[in-house]
């Protein structure tokens, strides 16, 4: 019963957020693509050494990485891990 009440409460909250325009059906990838297309030359990331990347540069690098993973046989649903430095590289 407790789980059902929590679920109903979450559904009501979701409905309210949608009605207020706070939530939609777009994914994080959708928002990224929209931003990268709208402002490709805008700086998206700056590290503490002053190096920076634009939205288009990051989008291109992500596409290259995705294509490389597909070529290596990595498929949707596979688990992968990354270890990244705290600076642009």
PDB file of N, CA and C in Angstrom:
ATOM      1  N   UNK A   1       0.831  -1.192   0.000  1.00  0.00           N
ATOM      2  CA  UNK A   1       0.000   0.000   0.000  1.00  0.00           C
ATOM      3  C   UNK A   1       0.872   1.250   0.000  1.00  0.00           C
ATOM      4  N   UNK A   2       1.933   1.237   0.797  1.00  0.00           N
ATOM      5  CA  UNK A   2       2.830   2.389   0.876  1.00  0.00           C
ATOM      6  C   UNK A   2       3.453   2.690  -0.486  1.00  0.00           C
ATOM      7  N   UNK A   3       3.889   1.655  -1.202  1.00  0.00           N
ATOM      8  CA  UNK A   3       4.484   1.833  -2.521  1.00  0.00           C
ATOM      9  C   UNK A   3       3.469   2.418  -3.490  1.00  0.00           C
ATOM     10  N   UNK A   4       2.232   1.935  -3.434  1.00  0.00           N
ATOM     11  CA  UNK A   4       1.179   2.441  -4.315  1.00  0.00           C
ATOM     12  C   UNK A   4       0.937   3.930  -4.066  1.00  0.00           C
ATOM     13  N   UNK A   5       0.904   4.347  -2.800  1.00  0.00           N
ATOM     14  CA  UNK A   5       0.692   5.758  -2.478  1.00  0.00           C
ATOM     15  C   UNK A   5       1.854   6.610  -2.973  1.00  0.00           C
ATOM     16  N   UNK A   6       3.066   6.103  -2.823  1.00  0.00           N
ATOM     17  CA  UNK A   6       4.231   6.840  -3.292  1.00  0.00           C
ATOM     18  C   UNK A   6       4.189   6.978  -4.805  1.00  0.00           C
ATOM     19  N   UNK A   7       3.815   5.902  -5.506  1.00  0.00           N
ATOM     20  CA  UNK A   7       3.717   5.934  -6.958  1.00  0.00           C
ATOM     21  C   UNK A   7       2.660   6.942  -7.398  1.00  0.00           C
ATOM     22  N   UNK A   8       1.494   6.926  -6.748  1.00  0.00           N
ATOM     23  CA  UNK A   8       0.418   7.865  -7.091  1.00  0.00           C
ATOM     24  C   UNK A   8       0.877   9.294  -6.866  1.00  0.00           C
ATOM     25  N   UNK A   9       1.587   9.528  -5.771  1.00  0.00           N
ATOM     26  CA  UNK A   9       2.106  10.856  -5.474  1.00  0.00           C
ATOM     27  C   UNK A   9       3.094  11.297  -6.551  1.00  0.00           C
ATOM     28  N   UNK A  10       3.969  10.385  -6.968  1.00  0.00           N
ATOM     29  CA  UNK A  10       4.925  10.706  -8.023  1.00  0.00           C
ATOM     30  C   UNK A  10       4.219  11.008  -9.333  1.00  0.00           C
ATOM     31  N   UNK A  11       3.174  10.248  -9.641  1.00  0.00           N
ATOM     32  CA  UNK A  11       2.416  10.485 -10.871  1.00  0.00           C
ATOM     33  C   UNK A  11       1.758  11.863 -10.847  1.00  0.00           C
ATOM     34  N   UNK A  12       1.203  12.243  -9.703  1.00  0.00           N
ATOM     35  CA  UNK A  12       0.589  13.567  -9.582  1.00  0.00           C
ATOM     36  C   UNK A  12       1.632  14.668  -9.749  1.00  0.00           C
ATOM     37  N   UNK A  13       2.798  14.458  -9.158  1.00  0.00           N
ATOM     38  CA  UNK A  13       3.879  15.432  -9.289  1.00  0.00           C
ATOM     39  C   UNK A  13       4.327  15.549 -10.743  1.00  0.00           C
ATOM     40  N   UNK A  14       4.488  14.401 -11.411  1.00  0.00           N
ATOM     41  CA  UNK A  14       4.879  14.419 -12.824  1.00  0.00           C
ATOM     42  C   UNK A  14       3.858  15.176 -13.663  1.00  0.00           C
ATOM     43  N   UNK A  15       2.578  14.908 -13.414  1.00  0.00           N
ATOM     44  CA  UNK A  15       1.519  15.581 -14.167  1.00  0.00           C
ATOM     45  C   UNK A  15       1.574  17.093 -13.936  1.00  0.00           C
ATOM     46  N   UNK A  16       1.798  17.496 -12.695  1.00  0.00           N
ATOM     47  CA  UNK A  16       1.889  18.928 -12.385  1.00  0.00           C
ATOM     48  C   UNK A  16       3.097  19.556 -13.077  1.00  0.00           C
ATOM     49  N   UNK A  17       4.241  18.870 -13.057  1.00  0.00           N
ATOM     50  CA  UNK A  17       5.444  19.392 -13.716  1.00  0.00           C
ATOM     51  C   UNK A  17       5.227  19.534 -15.217  1.00  0.00           C
ATOM     52  N   UNK A  18       4.573  18.554 -15.816  1.00  0.00           N
ATOM     53  CA  UNK A  18       4.287  18.619 -17.256  1.00  0.00           C
ATOM     54  C   UNK A  18       3.341  19.779 -17.567  1.00  0.00           C
ATOM     55  N   UNK A  19       2.312  19.941 -16.742  1.00  0.00           N
ATOM     56  CA  UNK A  19       1.343  21.010 -16.965  1.00  0.00           C
ATOM     57  C   UNK A  19       2.008  22.381 -16.849  1.00  0.00           C
ATOM     58  N   UNK A  20       2.978  22.514 -15.956  1.00  0.00           N
ATOM     59  CA  UNK A  20       3.693  23.777 -15.770  1.00  0.00           C
ATOM     60  C   UNK A  20       4.771  23.992 -16.825  1.00  0.00           C
ATOM     61  N   UNK A  21       4.990  22.987 -17.673  1.00  0.00           N
ATOM     62  CA  UNK A  21       6.015  23.104 -18.703  1.00  0.00           C
ATOM     63  C   UNK A  21       7.420  22.826 -18.207  1.00  0.00           C
ATOM     64  N   UNK A  22       7.542  22.274 -16.999  1.00  0.00           N
ATOM     65  CA  UNK A  22       8.858  21.988 -16.432  1.00  0.00           C
ATOM     66  C   UNK A  22       9.427  20.671 -16.935  1.00  0.00           C
ATOM     67  N   UNK A  23       8.547  19.739 -17.301  1.00  0.00           N
ATOM     68  CA  UNK A  23       8.965  18.432 -17.811  1.00  0.00           C
ATOM     69  C   UNK A  23       8.385  18.236 -19.186  1.00  0.00           C
ATOM     70  N   UNK A  24       9.126  17.521 -20.015  1.00  0.00           N
ATOM     71  CA  UNK A  24       8.648  17.176 -21.339  1.00  0.00           C
ATOM     72  C   UNK A  24       9.106  15.777 -21.693  1.00  0.00           C
ATOM     73  N   UNK A  25       9.053  15.471 -22.957  1.00  0.00           N
ATOM     74  CA  UNK A  25       9.434  14.137 -23.418  1.00  0.00           C
ATOM     75  C   UNK A  25      10.854  14.081 -23.969  1.00  0.00           C
ATOM     76  N   UNK A  26      11.543  15.211 -23.994  1.00  0.00           N
ATOM     77  CA  UNK A  26      12.895  15.249 -24.543  1.00  0.00           C
ATOM     78  C   UNK A  26      13.878  14.561 -23.595  1.00  0.00           C
ATOM     79  N   UNK A  27      14.858  13.882 -24.181  1.00  0.00           N
ATOM     80  CA  UNK A  27      15.914  13.234 -23.401  1.00  0.00           C
ATOM     81  C   UNK A  27      17.088  14.196 -23.246  1.00  0.00           C
ATOM     82  N   UNK A  28      18.045  13.821 -22.430  1.00  0.00           N
ATOM     83  CA  UNK A  28      19.259  14.615 -22.283  1.00  0.00           C
ATOM     84  C   UNK A  28      19.965  14.737 -23.627  1.00  0.00           C
ATOM     85  N   UNK A  29      19.985  13.656 -24.396  1.00  0.00           N
ATOM     86  CA  UNK A  29      20.596  13.690 -25.730  1.00  0.00           C
ATOM     87  C   UNK A  29      19.864  14.671 -26.639  1.00  0.00           C
ATOM     88  N   UNK A  30      18.540  14.723 -26.546  1.00  0.00           N
ATOM     89  CA  UNK A  30      17.763  15.683 -27.340  1.00  0.00           C
ATOM     90  C   UNK A  30      18.159  17.117 -26.998  1.00  0.00           C
ATOM     91  N   UNK A  31      18.280  17.410 -25.701  1.00  0.00           N
ATOM     92  CA  UNK A  31      18.666  18.761 -25.281  1.00  0.00           C
ATOM     93  C   UNK A  31      20.084  19.087 -25.744  1.00  0.00           C
ATOM     94  N   UNK A  32      20.986  18.120 -25.654  1.00  0.00           N
ATOM     95  CA  UNK A  32      22.357  18.339 -26.113  1.00  0.00           C
ATOM     96  C   UNK A  32      22.370  18.678 -27.599  1.00  0.00           C
ATOM     97  N   UNK A  33      21.699  17.868 -28.415  1.00  0.00           N
ATOM     98  CA  UNK A  33      21.685  18.097 -29.858  1.00  0.00           C
ATOM     99  C   UNK A  33      21.075  19.452 -30.195  1.00  0.00           C
ATOM    100  N   UNK A  34      20.023  19.814 -29.510  1.00  0.00           N
ATOM    101  CA  UNK A  34      19.384  21.110 -29.739  1.00  0.00           C
ATOM    102  C   UNK A  34      20.365  22.248 -29.442  1.00  0.00           C
ATOM    103  N   UNK A  35      21.080  22.146 -28.340  1.00  0.00           N
ATOM    104  CA  UNK A  35      22.036  23.183 -27.964  1.00  0.00           C
ATOM    105  C   UNK A  35      23.223  23.218 -28.914  1.00  0.00           C
ATOM    106  N   UNK A  36      23.751  22.050 -29.272  1.00  0.00           N
ATOM    107  CA  UNK A  36      24.904  21.987 -30.173  1.00  0.00           C
ATOM    108  C   UNK A  36      24.566  22.561 -31.547  1.00  0.00           C
ATOM    109  N   UNK A  37      23.339  22.370 -31.999  1.00  0.00           N
ATOM    110  CA  UNK A  37      22.919  22.935 -33.292  1.00  0.00           C
ATOM    111  C   UNK A  37      22.676  24.438 -33.196  1.00  0.00           C
ATOM    112  N   UNK A  38      22.120  24.875 -32.086  1.00  0.00           N
ATOM    113  CA  UNK A  38      21.765  26.286 -31.931  1.00  0.00           C
ATOM    114  C   UNK A  38      22.981  27.182 -31.725  1.00  0.00           C
ATOM    115  N   UNK A  39      24.002  26.659 -31.065  1.00  0.00           N
ATOM    116  CA  UNK A  39      25.185  27.479 -30.763  1.00  0.00           C
ATOM    117  C   UNK A  39      26.462  26.652 -30.865  1.00  0.00           C
ATOM    118  N   UNK A  40      26.778  26.153 -32.050  1.00  0.00           N
ATOM    119  CA  UNK A  40      27.916  25.244 -32.203  1.00  0.00           C
ATOM    120  C   UNK A  40      29.266  25.847 -31.824  1.00  0.00           C
ATOM    121  N   UNK A  41      29.427  27.149 -31.993  1.00  0.00           N
ATOM    122  CA  UNK A  41      30.723  27.772 -31.728  1.00  0.00           C
ATOM    123  C   UNK A  41      30.850  28.350 -30.325  1.00  0.00           C
ATOM    124  N   UNK A  42      29.818  28.185 -29.520  1.00  0.00           N
ATOM    125  CA  UNK A  42      29.872  28.674 -28.143  1.00  0.00           C
ATOM    126  C   UNK A  42      30.701  27.716 -27.293  1.00  0.00           C
ATOM    127  N   UNK A  43      31.470  28.272 -26.366  1.00  0.00           N
ATOM    128  CA  UNK A  43      32.288  27.467 -25.460  1.00  0.00           C
ATOM    129  C   UNK A  43      31.367  26.682 -24.526  1.00  0.00           C
ATOM    130  N   UNK A  44      31.591  25.372 -24.466  1.00  0.00           N
ATOM    131  CA  UNK A  44      30.777  24.496 -23.622  1.00  0.00           C
ATOM    132  C   UNK A  44      31.503  24.100 -22.343  1.00  0.00           C
ATOM    133  N   UNK A  45      32.829  23.956 -22.424  1.00  0.00           N
ATOM    134  CA  UNK A  45      33.619  23.479 -21.286  1.00  0.00           C
ATOM    135  C   UNK A  45      34.925  24.267 -21.223  1.00  0.00           C
ATOM    136  N   UNK A  46      35.289  24.690 -20.018  1.00  0.00           N
ATOM    137  CA  UNK A  46      36.582  25.334 -19.774  1.00  0.00           C
ATOM    138  C   UNK A  46      37.188  24.658 -18.555  1.00  0.00           C
ATOM    139  N   UNK A  47      38.459  24.236 -18.670  1.00  0.00           N
ATOM    140  CA  UNK A  47      39.088  23.610 -17.506  1.00  0.00           C
ATOM    141  C   UNK A  47      39.876  24.645 -16.710  1.00  0.00           C
ATOM    142  N   UNK A  48      40.485  24.209 -15.608  1.00  0.00           N
ATOM    143  CA  UNK A  48      41.190  25.151 -14.734  1.00  0.00           C
ATOM    144  C   UNK A  48      42.544  25.590 -15.283  1.00  0.00           C
ATOM    145  N   UNK A  49      42.928  25.078 -16.462  1.00  0.00           N
ATOM    146  CA  UNK A  49      44.149  25.523 -17.131  1.00  0.00           C
ATOM    147  C   UNK A  49      43.829  26.492 -18.268  1.00  0.00           C
ATOM    148  N   UNK A  50      42.549  26.774 -18.488  1.00  0.00           N
ATOM    149  CA  UNK A  50      42.137  27.704 -19.530  1.00  0.00           C
ATOM    150  C   UNK A  50      41.818  27.064 -20.870  1.00  0.00           C
ATOM    151  N   UNK A  51      42.010  25.755 -21.000  1.00  0.00           N
ATOM    152  CA  UNK A  51      41.659  25.066 -22.249  1.00  0.00           C
ATOM    153  C   UNK A  51      40.140  24.969 -22.343  1.00  0.00           C
ATOM    154  N   UNK A  52      39.634  25.029 -23.573  1.00  0.00           N
ATOM    155  CA  UNK A  52      38.184  24.994 -23.743  1.00  0.00           C
ATOM    156  C   UNK A  52      37.790  24.235 -25.001  1.00  0.00           C
ATOM    157  N   UNK A  53      36.529  23.807 -25.017  1.00  0.00           N
ATOM    158  CA  UNK A  53      35.949  23.135 -26.181  1.00  0.00           C
ATOM    159  C   UNK A  53      34.587  23.748 -26.473  1.00  0.00           C
ATOM    160  N   UNK A  54      34.270  23.852 -27.756  1.00  0.00           N
ATOM    161  CA  UNK A  54      32.953  24.327 -28.168  1.00  0.00           C
ATOM    162  C   UNK A  54      31.968  23.163 -28.164  1.00  0.00           C
ATOM    163  N   UNK A  55      30.698  23.516 -28.270  1.00  0.00           N
ATOM    164  CA  UNK A  55      29.666  22.480 -28.366  1.00  0.00           C
ATOM    165  C   UNK A  55      29.901  21.592 -29.587  1.00  0.00           C
ATOM    166  N   UNK A  56      30.272  22.197 -30.718  1.00  0.00           N
ATOM    167  CA  UNK A  56      30.474  21.385 -31.927  1.00  0.00           C
ATOM    168  C   UNK A  56      31.672  20.459 -31.785  1.00  0.00           C
ATOM    169  N   UNK A  57      32.734  20.907 -31.127  1.00  0.00           N
ATOM    170  CA  UNK A  57      33.912  20.053 -30.938  1.00  0.00           C
ATOM    171  C   UNK A  57      33.576  18.857 -30.046  1.00  0.00           C
ATOM    172  N   UNK A  58      32.847  19.097 -28.975  1.00  0.00           N
ATOM    173  CA  UNK A  58      32.457  17.998 -28.085  1.00  0.00           C
ATOM    174  C   UNK A  58      31.496  17.058 -28.796  1.00  0.00           C
ATOM    175  N   UNK A  59      30.554  17.615 -29.547  1.00  0.00           N
ATOM    176  CA  UNK A  59      29.594  16.792 -30.275  1.00  0.00           C
ATOM    177  C   UNK A  59      30.310  15.908 -31.294  1.00  0.00           C
ATOM    178  N   UNK A  60      31.287  16.477 -31.989  1.00  0.00           N
ATOM    179  CA  UNK A  60      32.056  15.699 -32.967  1.00  0.00           C
ATOM    180  C   UNK A  60      32.858  14.589 -32.274  1.00  0.00           C
ATOM    181  N   UNK A  61      33.513  14.922 -31.173  1.00  0.00           N
ATOM    182  CA  UNK A  61      34.298  13.922 -30.438  1.00  0.00           C
ATOM    183  C   UNK A  61      33.397  12.806 -29.912  1.00  0.00           C
ATOM    184  N   UNK A  62      32.213  13.156 -29.423  1.00  0.00           N
ATOM    185  CA  UNK A  62      31.272  12.146 -28.920  1.00  0.00           C
ATOM    186  C   UNK A  62      30.800  11.234 -30.046  1.00  0.00           C
ATOM    187  N   UNK A  63      30.550  11.804 -31.219  1.00  0.00           N
ATOM    188  CA  UNK A  63      30.139  10.992 -32.375  1.00  0.00           C
ATOM    189  C   UNK A  63      31.249  10.038 -32.797  1.00  0.00           C
ATOM    190  N   UNK A  64      32.482  10.526 -32.797  1.00  0.00           N
ATOM    191  CA  UNK A  64      33.624   9.664 -33.142  1.00  0.00           C
ATOM    192  C   UNK A  64      33.754   8.522 -32.140  1.00  0.00           C
ATOM    193  N   UNK A  65      33.618   8.827 -30.860  1.00  0.00           N
ATOM    194  CA  UNK A  65      33.697   7.794 -29.826  1.00  0.00           C
ATOM    195  C   UNK A  65      32.571   6.778 -29.990  1.00  0.00           C
ATOM    196  N   UNK A  66      31.365   7.260 -30.249  1.00  0.00           N
ATOM    197  CA  UNK A  66      30.221   6.355 -30.437  1.00  0.00           C
ATOM    198  C   UNK A  66      30.449   5.439 -31.633  1.00  0.00           C
ATOM    199  N   UNK A  67      30.943   5.990 -32.726  1.00  0.00           N
ATOM    200  CA  UNK A  67      31.218   5.172 -33.913  1.00  0.00           C
ATOM    201  C   UNK A  67      32.315   4.151 -33.643  1.00  0.00           C
ATOM    202  N   UNK A  68      33.345   4.531 -32.894  1.00  0.00           N
ATOM    203  CA  UNK A  68      34.422   3.605 -32.541  1.00  0.00           C
ATOM    204  C   UNK A  68      33.870   2.454 -31.703  1.00  0.00           C
ATOM    205  N   UNK A  69      33.014   2.790 -30.721  1.00  0.00           N
ATOM    206  CA  UNK A  69      32.440   1.740 -29.870  1.00  0.00           C
ATOM    207  C   UNK A  69      31.570   0.787 -30.689  1.00  0.00           C
ATOM    208  N   UNK A  70      30.781   1.327 -31.606  1.00  0.00           N
ATOM    209  CA  UNK A  70      29.968   0.467 -32.475  1.00  0.00           C
ATOM    210  C   UNK A  70      30.853  -0.448 -33.311  1.00  0.00           C
ATOM    211  N   UNK A  71      31.950   0.095 -33.830  1.00  0.00           N
ATOM    212  CA  UNK A  71      32.874  -0.700 -34.642  1.00  0.00           C
ATOM    213  C   UNK A  71      33.531  -1.811 -33.826  1.00  0.00           C
ATOM    214  N   UNK A  72      33.688  -1.593 -32.531  1.00  0.00           N
ATOM    215  CA  UNK A  72      34.280  -2.599 -31.640  1.00  0.00           C
ATOM    216  C   UNK A  72      33.256  -3.613 -31.148  1.00  0.00           C
ATOM    217  N   UNK A  73      31.997  -3.443 -31.560  1.00  0.00           N
ATOM    218  CA  UNK A  73      30.965  -4.403 -31.179  1.00  0.00           C
ATOM    219  C   UNK A  73      30.189  -4.051 -29.930  1.00  0.00           C
ATOM    220  N   UNK A  74      30.428  -2.880 -29.383  1.00  0.00           N
ATOM    221  CA  UNK A  74      29.672  -2.452 -28.209  1.00  0.00           C
ATOM    222  C   UNK A  74      28.270  -2.080 -28.672  1.00  0.00           C
ATOM    223  N   UNK A  75      27.270  -2.602 -27.969  1.00  0.00           N
ATOM    224  CA  UNK A  75      25.883  -2.397 -28.375  1.00  0.00           C
ATOM    225  C   UNK A  75      25.085  -1.708 -27.277  1.00  0.00           C
ATOM    226  N   UNK A  76      23.924  -1.217 -27.652  1.00  0.00           N
ATOM    227  CA  UNK A  76      23.010  -0.610 -26.692  1.00  0.00           C
ATOM    228  C   UNK A  76      22.724  -1.613 -25.576  1.00  0.00           C
ATOM    229  N   UNK A  77      22.832  -1.148 -24.335  1.00  0.00           N
ATOM    230  CA  UNK A  77      22.602  -2.017 -23.185  1.00  0.00           C
ATOM    231  C   UNK A  77      23.882  -2.568 -22.582  1.00  0.00           C
ATOM    232  N   UNK A  78      24.991  -2.548 -23.342  1.00  0.00           N
ATOM    233  CA  UNK A  78      26.276  -2.989 -22.798  1.00  0.00           C
ATOM    234  C   UNK A  78      26.738  -1.994 -21.738  1.00  0.00           C
ATOM    235  N   UNK A  79      27.476  -2.495 -20.763  1.00  0.00           N
ATOM    236  CA  UNK A  79      28.012  -1.628 -19.714  1.00  0.00           C
ATOM    237  C   UNK A  79      29.457  -1.303 -20.036  1.00  0.00           C
ATOM    238  N   UNK A  80      29.779  -0.021 -19.927  1.00  0.00           N
ATOM    239  CA  UNK A  80      31.149   0.428 -20.151  1.00  0.00           C
ATOM    240  C   UNK A  80      31.518   1.388 -19.024  1.00  0.00           C
ATOM    241  N   UNK A  81      32.801   1.632 -18.848  1.00  0.00           N
ATOM    242  CA  UNK A  81      33.258   2.575 -17.830  1.00  0.00           C
ATOM    243  C   UNK A  81      34.326   3.471 -18.437  1.00  0.00           C
ATOM    244  N   UNK A  82      34.372   4.697 -17.974  1.00  0.00           N
ATOM    245  CA  UNK A  82      35.381   5.663 -18.408  1.00  0.00           C
ATOM    246  C   UNK A  82      36.071   6.229 -17.183  1.00  0.00           C
ATOM    247  N   UNK A  83      37.342   6.505 -17.320  1.00  0.00           N
ATOM    248  CA  UNK A  83      38.065   7.255 -16.302  1.00  0.00           C
ATOM    249  C   UNK A  83      38.649   8.460 -17.017  1.00  0.00           C
ATOM    250  N   UNK A  84      38.201   9.635 -16.641  1.00  0.00           N
ATOM    251  CA  UNK A  84      38.592  10.855 -17.334  1.00  0.00           C
ATOM    252  C   UNK A  84      39.342  11.787 -16.393  1.00  0.00           C
ATOM    253  N   UNK A  85      40.299  12.538 -16.935  1.00  0.00           N
ATOM    254  CA  UNK A  85      40.995  13.528 -16.111  1.00  0.00           C
ATOM    255  C   UNK A  85      40.084  14.727 -15.856  1.00  0.00           C
ATOM    256  N   UNK A  86      40.490  15.582 -14.958  1.00  0.00           N
ATOM    257  CA  UNK A  86      39.714  16.777 -14.643  1.00  0.00           C
ATOM    258  C   UNK A  86      40.101  17.974 -15.485  1.00  0.00           C
ATOM    259  N   UNK A  87      40.708  17.726 -16.631  1.00  0.00           N
ATOM    260  CA  UNK A  87      41.104  18.814 -17.526  1.00  0.00           C
ATOM    261  C   UNK A  87      40.829  18.412 -18.966  1.00  0.00           C
ATOM    262  N   UNK A  88      40.806  19.425 -19.836  1.00  0.00           N
ATOM    263  CA  UNK A  88      40.586  19.159 -21.262  1.00  0.00           C
ATOM    264  C   UNK A  88      41.797  18.453 -21.834  1.00  0.00           C
ATOM    265  N   UNK A  89      41.536  17.439 -22.639  1.00  0.00           N
ATOM    266  CA  UNK A  89      42.643  16.652 -23.195  1.00  0.00           C
ATOM    267  C   UNK A  89      42.285  16.166 -24.572  1.00  0.00           C
TER     268      UNK A  89
END
